[in-house]
Amino acid sequence: MRGRTRAFRCCPPSEADSFGVGWYYLGTSSESGPLASLGGPVADGQGVEVFYNWEVSPWFHLTTDLQVMVPARKTVGPALVLGFRAKMDF
């Protein structure tokens, strides 16, 4: 009897893959006080995040993540953050 074991699979999504989308809104209180405005004017901030977790094998996962953030501080521009993570279970 012969059997085959595949250590890695390529590209087609599986039941174990996962993804998500999130959004946040940060409202700044008008009662923040003088310390909050030391670095410049403050307004409301918001951002969005998208991730995909790919099960390469049952013991190896790759995750990619993209975040776009518009900060509350008016003197700071929007930020785009791209991240990657590899997780191996032993």
Protein backbone atom coordinates (compact mmCIF):
# COMPACT_ATOMS: atom_id res chain seq x y z
CA MET A 1 0.00 0.00 0.00
CA ARG A 2 1.35 3.38 -0.99
CA GLY A 3 0.34 6.73 0.38
CA ARG A 4 1.27 10.31 -0.28
CA THR A 5 1.58 13.12 2.19
CA ARG A 6 1.61 16.69 0.99
CA ALA A 7 3.60 18.92 3.30
CA PHE A 8 2.53 22.13 1.53
CA ARG A 9 -0.39 23.08 -0.64
CA CYS A 10 -0.32 25.95 -3.07
CA CYS A 11 -2.74 28.83 -3.39
CA PRO A 12 -6.31 27.43 -3.42
CA PRO A 13 -8.17 28.62 -0.31
CA SER A 14 -9.02 26.05 2.34
CA GLU A 15 -11.51 25.81 5.19
CA ALA A 16 -8.70 26.70 7.61
CA ASP A 17 -7.88 30.03 5.89
CA SER A 18 -9.39 33.13 7.49
CA PHE A 19 -9.78 36.81 6.71
CA GLY A 20 -11.19 39.87 8.35
CA VAL A 21 -11.97 43.55 7.93
CA GLY A 22 -12.19 46.06 10.76
CA TRP A 23 -12.86 49.77 11.09
CA TYR A 24 -12.47 52.13 14.02
CA TYR A 25 -13.49 55.69 14.77
CA LEU A 26 -11.90 57.66 17.58
CA GLY A 27 -13.86 60.72 18.65
CA THR A 28 -11.92 63.36 20.58
CA SER A 29 -13.74 64.95 23.49
CA SER A 30 -14.04 68.72 23.63
CA GLU A 31 -13.02 68.35 27.30
CA SER A 32 -9.60 66.85 26.51
CA GLY A 33 -7.83 69.73 28.18
CA PRO A 34 -4.67 71.65 27.29
CA LEU A 35 -2.31 68.64 27.35
CA ALA A 36 -4.03 66.99 24.36
CA SER A 37 -3.38 69.99 22.12
CA LEU A 38 0.33 70.45 22.98
CA GLY A 39 1.44 68.75 19.72
CA GLY A 40 -1.00 70.72 17.59
CA PRO A 41 -4.72 70.70 16.90
CA VAL A 42 -6.63 67.47 17.59
CA ALA A 43 -9.68 66.18 15.72
CA ASP A 44 -11.30 62.75 15.29
CA GLY A 45 -9.29 59.81 13.93
CA GLN A 46 -10.25 56.66 12.07
CA GLY A 47 -8.75 53.66 10.36
CA VAL A 48 -9.41 50.42 8.54
CA GLU A 49 -7.63 47.05 8.63
CA VAL A 50 -7.77 44.01 6.32
CA PHE A 51 -6.00 40.69 6.91
CA TYR A 52 -5.76 37.25 5.32
CA ASN A 53 -4.43 34.19 7.14
CA TRP A 54 -3.32 31.40 4.80
CA GLU A 55 -2.83 27.86 6.09
CA VAL A 56 0.15 26.72 4.04
CA SER A 57 0.16 23.45 6.00
CA PRO A 58 -1.48 22.43 9.29
CA TRP A 59 1.63 23.60 11.16
CA PHE A 60 2.56 26.69 9.06
CA HIS A 61 0.45 29.83 8.65
CA LEU A 62 1.22 33.06 6.75
CA THR A 63 -0.71 36.24 7.51
CA THR A 64 -0.69 39.49 5.60
CA ASP A 65 -2.20 42.66 7.06
CA LEU A 66 -2.92 46.12 5.65
CA GLN A 67 -3.90 49.09 7.84
CA VAL A 68 -4.79 52.62 6.79
CA MET A 69 -4.95 55.13 9.65
CA VAL A 70 -6.00 58.77 9.68
CA PRO A 71 -4.73 60.06 13.03
CA ALA A 72 -6.54 62.48 15.32
CA ARG A 73 -3.59 64.87 15.33
CA LYS A 74 -4.04 67.40 12.49
CA THR A 75 -0.27 67.92 12.07
CA VAL A 76 0.28 64.22 11.21
CA GLY A 77 -0.72 62.76 7.85
CA PRO A 78 -2.41 59.42 7.15
CA ALA A 79 -0.37 56.24 7.58
CA LEU A 80 -0.33 53.07 5.49
CA VAL A 81 1.05 50.00 7.30
CA LEU A 82 1.69 46.64 5.62
CA GLY A 83 2.59 43.66 7.77
CA PHE A 84 3.49 40.00 7.31
CA ARG A 85 3.67 37.23 9.90
CA ALA A 86 4.74 33.61 9.74
CA LYS A 87 3.67 31.16 12.45
CA MET A 88 4.99 27.64 12.84
CA ASP A 89 3.54 25.18 15.36
CA PHE A 90 5.82 22.51 16.74
